[in-house]
């Protein structure tokens, strides 16, 4: 299963602010239920004495009018 640009998802549930549960509504995966985890982004090469950390879900949110 490949989710690519222009694949649209319908968000069904936000689980504990860490996982998005969605259903594909376009593309090759129509009708499939998907779990999209939140990802910790930590740089591997850092010259700072502390760690940068960022949590992201790689989705573009849109609204329907």
Protein backbone atom coordinates (compact mmCIF):
# COMPACT_ATOMS: atom_id res chain seq x y z
CA UNK A 1 0.00 0.00 0.00
CA UNK A 2 1.43 3.36 -0.93
CA UNK A 3 0.10 6.68 0.23
CA UNK A 4 1.35 9.40 -2.10
CA UNK A 5 0.59 13.01 -2.91
CA UNK A 6 -3.07 13.57 -3.73
CA UNK A 7 -4.25 10.64 -1.60
CA UNK A 8 -7.09 12.01 0.47
CA UNK A 9 -7.97 10.66 3.89
CA UNK A 10 -11.02 10.97 6.09
CA UNK A 11 -9.93 11.25 9.73
CA UNK A 12 -12.04 8.93 11.87
CA UNK A 13 -10.36 9.30 15.26
CA UNK A 14 -7.43 10.99 17.01
CA UNK A 15 -5.95 8.48 19.44
CA UNK A 16 -4.29 9.95 22.57
CA UNK A 17 -2.74 12.78 20.53
CA UNK A 18 -0.19 10.29 19.10
CA UNK A 19 -1.99 8.38 16.34
CA UNK A 20 -4.40 9.39 13.58
CA UNK A 21 -6.90 6.74 12.50
CA UNK A 22 -8.16 7.49 8.98
CA UNK A 23 -9.80 5.93 5.93
CA UNK A 24 -8.46 6.47 2.39
CA UNK A 25 -11.10 8.06 0.15
CA UNK A 26 -9.01 8.43 -3.05
CA UNK A 27 -6.09 6.64 -4.69
CA UNK A 28 -5.20 2.93 -4.80
CA UNK A 29 -6.10 2.35 -1.15
CA UNK A 30 -9.76 3.46 -1.22
CA UNK A 31 -11.64 2.14 1.79
CA UNK A 32 -8.57 0.96 3.71
CA UNK A 33 -8.23 1.96 7.35
CA UNK A 34 -4.90 3.57 8.19
CA UNK A 35 -2.98 4.26 11.39
CA UNK A 36 -0.62 7.22 11.07
CA UNK A 37 1.73 7.61 14.05
CA UNK A 38 3.22 10.83 15.29
CA UNK A 39 6.96 10.82 14.58
CA UNK A 40 9.72 12.11 16.86
CA UNK A 41 12.20 14.14 14.82
CA UNK A 42 15.61 14.38 16.50
CA UNK A 43 18.69 15.51 14.54
CA UNK A 44 21.52 12.97 14.57
CA UNK A 45 24.35 15.50 14.08
CA UNK A 46 24.07 18.18 16.68
CA UNK A 47 26.89 20.23 18.12
CA UNK A 48 24.63 21.52 20.90
CA UNK A 49 24.87 20.06 24.44
CA UNK A 50 21.11 19.36 24.40
CA UNK A 51 18.70 17.52 22.09
CA UNK A 52 16.14 19.18 19.86
CA UNK A 53 12.96 17.17 19.53
CA UNK A 54 9.87 17.82 17.43
CA UNK A 55 6.77 15.64 17.12
CA UNK A 56 4.98 15.76 13.78
CA UNK A 57 2.23 14.10 11.82
CA UNK A 58 3.04 14.49 8.15
CA UNK A 59 -0.42 15.53 6.90
CA UNK A 60 -1.88 18.57 5.21
CA UNK A 61 -5.20 19.47 6.82
CA UNK A 62 -7.96 20.78 4.58
CA UNK A 63 -11.62 21.60 5.06
CA UNK A 64 -14.66 20.90 2.92
CA UNK A 65 -17.11 23.70 2.19
